C-alpha atoms as a PDB file:
ATOM      1  CA  UNK A   1      30.410 -18.775  31.879  1.00  0.00           C
ATOM      2  CA  UNK A   2      32.420 -15.865  30.374  1.00  0.00           C
ATOM      3  CA  UNK A   3      30.796 -12.264  30.333  1.00  0.00           C
ATOM      4  CA  UNK A   4      29.943 -11.130  26.903  1.00  0.00           C
ATOM      5  CA  UNK A   5      30.217  -7.549  25.558  1.00  0.00           C
ATOM      6  CA  UNK A   6      28.096  -4.903  27.494  1.00  0.00           C
ATOM      7  CA  UNK A   7      26.755  -3.920  24.287  1.00  0.00           C
ATOM      8  CA  UNK A   8      25.252  -7.192  23.255  1.00  0.00           C
ATOM      9  CA  UNK A   9      22.256  -7.048  25.439  1.00  0.00           C
ATOM     10  CA  UNK A  10      21.231  -3.479  24.407  1.00  0.00           C
ATOM     11  CA  UNK A  11      21.923  -4.769  20.796  1.00  0.00           C
ATOM     12  CA  UNK A  12      19.536  -7.756  21.344  1.00  0.00           C
ATOM     13  CA  UNK A  13      16.849  -5.359  22.702  1.00  0.00           C
ATOM     14  CA  UNK A  14      16.886  -3.420  19.519  1.00  0.00           C
ATOM     15  CA  UNK A  15      16.430  -6.374  17.324  1.00  0.00           C
ATOM     16  CA  UNK A  16      12.762  -6.654  17.634  1.00  0.00           C
ATOM     17  CA  UNK A  17      12.012  -3.193  16.474  1.00  0.00           C
ATOM     18  CA  UNK A  18      14.679  -3.542  13.719  1.00  0.00           C
ATOM     19  CA  UNK A  19      13.004  -6.739  12.440  1.00  0.00           C
ATOM     20  CA  UNK A  20       9.734  -5.339  12.557  1.00  0.00           C
ATOM     21  CA  UNK A  21      10.776  -2.279  10.346  1.00  0.00           C
ATOM     22  CA  UNK A  22      12.216  -4.829   7.805  1.00  0.00           C
ATOM     23  CA  UNK A  23       9.016  -6.969   7.779  1.00  0.00           C
ATOM     24  CA  UNK A  24       7.057  -3.942   7.401  1.00  0.00           C
ATOM     25  CA  UNK A  25       9.133  -2.786   4.455  1.00  0.00           C
ATOM     26  CA  UNK A  26       9.344  -6.264   2.798  1.00  0.00           C
ATOM     27  CA  UNK A  27       6.802  -5.109   0.047  1.00  0.00           C
ATOM     28  CA  UNK A  28       8.534  -1.799  -0.685  1.00  0.00           C
ATOM     29  CA  UNK A  29      10.853  -3.310  -3.399  1.00  0.00           C
ATOM     30  CA  UNK A  30       7.783  -5.009  -5.109  1.00  0.00           C
ATOM     31  CA  UNK A  31       5.930  -1.684  -4.949  1.00  0.00           C
ATOM     32  CA  UNK A  32       8.800   0.336  -6.736  1.00  0.00           C
ATOM     33  CA  UNK A  33       9.178  -2.504  -9.147  1.00  0.00           C
ATOM     34  CA  UNK A  34       5.560  -2.360 -10.154  1.00  0.00           C
ATOM     35  CA  UNK A  35       5.469   1.322 -10.248  1.00  0.00           C
ATOM     36  CA  UNK A  36       8.488   1.424 -12.454  1.00  0.00           C
ATOM     37  CA  UNK A  37       6.871  -1.140 -14.930  1.00  0.00           C
ATOM     38  CA  UNK A  38       3.684   0.851 -15.012  1.00  0.00           C
ATOM     39  CA  UNK A  39       5.592   4.094 -15.747  1.00  0.00           C
ATOM     40  CA  UNK A  40       7.446   2.299 -18.591  1.00  0.00           C
ATOM     41  CA  UNK A  41       4.384   1.199 -20.526  1.00  0.00           C
ATOM     42  CA  UNK A  42       3.539   3.263 -23.526  1.00  0.00           C
ATOM     43  CA  UNK A  43      -0.084   2.632 -23.608  1.00  0.00           C
ATOM     44  CA  UNK A  44      -2.140   2.017 -20.317  1.00  0.00           C
ATOM     45  CA  UNK A  45      -3.442  -1.400 -20.184  1.00  0.00           C
ATOM     46  CA  UNK A  46      -6.684  -2.710 -18.478  1.00  0.00           C
ATOM     47  CA  UNK A  47      -5.903  -3.016 -14.702  1.00  0.00           C
ATOM     48  CA  UNK A  48      -2.920  -0.544 -14.664  1.00  0.00           C
ATOM     49  CA  UNK A  49      -5.033   1.956 -12.261  1.00  0.00           C
ATOM     50  CA  UNK A  50      -5.978  -0.899 -10.062  1.00  0.00           C
ATOM     51  CA  UNK A  51      -2.291  -1.951  -9.639  1.00  0.00           C
ATOM     52  CA  UNK A  52      -1.570   1.702  -8.965  1.00  0.00           C
ATOM     53  CA  UNK A  53      -4.056   1.930  -6.490  1.00  0.00           C
ATOM     54  CA  UNK A  54      -2.935  -1.347  -5.031  1.00  0.00           C
ATOM     55  CA  UNK A  55       0.364   0.075  -4.557  1.00  0.00           C
ATOM     56  CA  UNK A  56      -0.754   3.186  -2.844  1.00  0.00           C
ATOM     57  CA  UNK A  57      -2.770   0.928  -0.397  1.00  0.00           C
ATOM     58  CA  UNK A  58       0.323  -1.137   0.370  1.00  0.00           C
ATOM     59  CA  UNK A  59       2.230   2.001   1.184  1.00  0.00           C
ATOM     60  CA  UNK A  60      -0.381   3.096   3.326  1.00  0.00           C
ATOM     61  CA  UNK A  61      -0.373  -0.218   5.255  1.00  0.00           C
ATOM     62  CA  UNK A  62       3.454   0.033   5.513  1.00  0.00           C
ATOM     63  CA  UNK A  63       3.019   3.295   7.205  1.00  0.00           C
ATOM     64  CA  UNK A  64       0.323   1.859   9.654  1.00  0.00           C
ATOM     65  CA  UNK A  65       2.583  -1.101  10.523  1.00  0.00           C
ATOM     66  CA  UNK A  66       5.467   1.329  11.117  1.00  0.00           C
ATOM     67  CA  UNK A  67       3.299   3.370  13.215  1.00  0.00           C
ATOM     68  CA  UNK A  68       2.707   0.582  15.528  1.00  0.00           C
ATOM     69  CA  UNK A  69       6.369  -0.254  16.145  1.00  0.00           C
ATOM     70  CA  UNK A  70       7.658   1.093  19.557  1.00  0.00           C
ATOM     71  CA  UNK A  71      10.653   3.107  19.653  1.00  0.00           C
ATOM     72  CA  UNK A  72      13.881   0.737  19.798  1.00  0.00           C
ATOM     73  CA  UNK A  73      15.919   1.054  23.095  1.00  0.00           C
ATOM     74  CA  UNK A  74      19.451   2.365  22.694  1.00  0.00           C
ATOM     75  CA  UNK A  75      21.997   0.137  21.656  1.00  0.00           C
ATOM     76  CA  UNK A  76      24.850  -0.532  19.045  1.00  0.00           C
ATOM     77  CA  UNK A  77      24.116  -0.555  15.510  1.00  0.00           C
ATOM     78  CA  UNK A  78      24.335  -3.673  13.227  1.00  0.00           C
ATOM     79  CA  UNK A  79      23.894  -4.634   9.782  1.00  0.00           C
ATOM     80  CA  UNK A  80      20.411  -5.406   9.884  1.00  0.00           C
ATOM     81  CA  UNK A  81      19.630  -1.940  11.287  1.00  0.00           C
ATOM     82  CA  UNK A  82      21.547  -0.446   8.193  1.00  0.00           C
ATOM     83  CA  UNK A  83      19.020  -2.309   6.054  1.00  0.00           C
ATOM     84  CA  UNK A  84      16.092  -0.879   8.034  1.00  0.00           C
ATOM     85  CA  UNK A  85      17.725   2.608   7.719  1.00  0.00           C
ATOM     86  CA  UNK A  86      18.189   2.301   3.827  1.00  0.00           C
ATOM     87  CA  UNK A  87      15.070   1.010   2.542  1.00  0.00           C
ATOM     88  CA  UNK A  88      14.120   4.516   1.001  1.00  0.00           C
ATOM     89  CA  UNK A  89      17.556   5.410  -0.386  1.00  0.00           C
ATOM     90  CA  UNK A  90      17.066   4.205  -4.174  1.00  0.00           C
ATOM     91  CA  UNK A  91      16.711   6.600  -6.993  1.00  0.00           C
ATOM     92  CA  UNK A  92      13.668   4.668  -8.303  1.00  0.00           C
ATOM     93  CA  UNK A  93      11.811   5.274  -5.111  1.00  0.00           C
ATOM     94  CA  UNK A  94      12.363   9.063  -5.239  1.00  0.00           C
ATOM     95  CA  UNK A  95      11.152   9.084  -8.656  1.00  0.00           C
ATOM     96  CA  UNK A  96       8.292   6.810  -8.335  1.00  0.00           C
ATOM     97  CA  UNK A  97       6.541   7.425  -5.043  1.00  0.00           C
ATOM     98  CA  UNK A  98       5.155  10.586  -3.675  1.00  0.00           C
ATOM     99  CA  UNK A  99       7.923  12.469  -1.790  1.00  0.00           C
ATOM    100  CA  UNK A 100       5.502  13.524   1.145  1.00  0.00           C
ATOM    101  CA  UNK A 101       4.795   9.636   1.412  1.00  0.00           C
ATOM    102  CA  UNK A 102       8.480   8.764   1.404  1.00  0.00           C
ATOM    103  CA  UNK A 103       9.118  11.664   4.037  1.00  0.00           C
ATOM    104  CA  UNK A 104       6.485  10.066   6.550  1.00  0.00           C
ATOM    105  CA  UNK A 105       7.968   6.512   6.083  1.00  0.00           C
ATOM    106  CA  UNK A 106      11.377   7.928   6.789  1.00  0.00           C
ATOM    107  CA  UNK A 107      10.136   9.872   9.766  1.00  0.00           C
ATOM    108  CA  UNK A 108       8.753   6.734  11.250  1.00  0.00           C
ATOM    109  CA  UNK A 109      11.747   4.669  10.796  1.00  0.00           C
ATOM    110  CA  UNK A 110      13.862   7.560  12.166  1.00  0.00           C
ATOM    111  CA  UNK A 111      11.752   7.839  15.145  1.00  0.00           C
ATOM    112  CA  UNK A 112      11.821   4.033  15.926  1.00  0.00           C
ATOM    113  CA  UNK A 113      15.549   3.984  15.687  1.00  0.00           C
ATOM    114  CA  UNK A 114      16.170   7.551  17.320  1.00  0.00           C
ATOM    115  CA  UNK A 115      17.522   6.130  20.685  1.00  0.00           C
ATOM    116  CA  UNK A 116      20.513   4.895  18.828  1.00  0.00           C
ATOM    117  CA  UNK A 117      21.529   8.287  17.802  1.00  0.00           C
ATOM    118  CA  UNK A 118      23.875   9.023  20.230  1.00  0.00           C
ATOM    119  CA  UNK A 119      25.665   5.701  19.660  1.00  0.00           C
ATOM    120  CA  UNK A 120      25.792   5.525  16.100  1.00  0.00           C
ATOM    121  CA  UNK A 121      28.971   5.183  14.196  1.00  0.00           C
END
């Protein structure tokens, strides 16, 4: 059997952490869309406060999930990792979600993927 690239095994070792980030963040676009729609209404409707509260709880749950993901081992970056790194980089997220919350989420993601910093590129 031919020998594969030396980076393939380390890349595969990163996948569980990267996939865990993407699973934890899967609700994020829905949260942003919901908050955008709530912001766009002229008159508050019944249930709007409940939706805002639900969005906050979902963001807190995302933080909790991210906090339990172990740091990924060093390895080569891949497309899935780019998705994991870019969840928060939308203008709408910055306008609709508390900056401190976004910063905490970004810090968790950066910490999980930090072992790759020397190999990024």
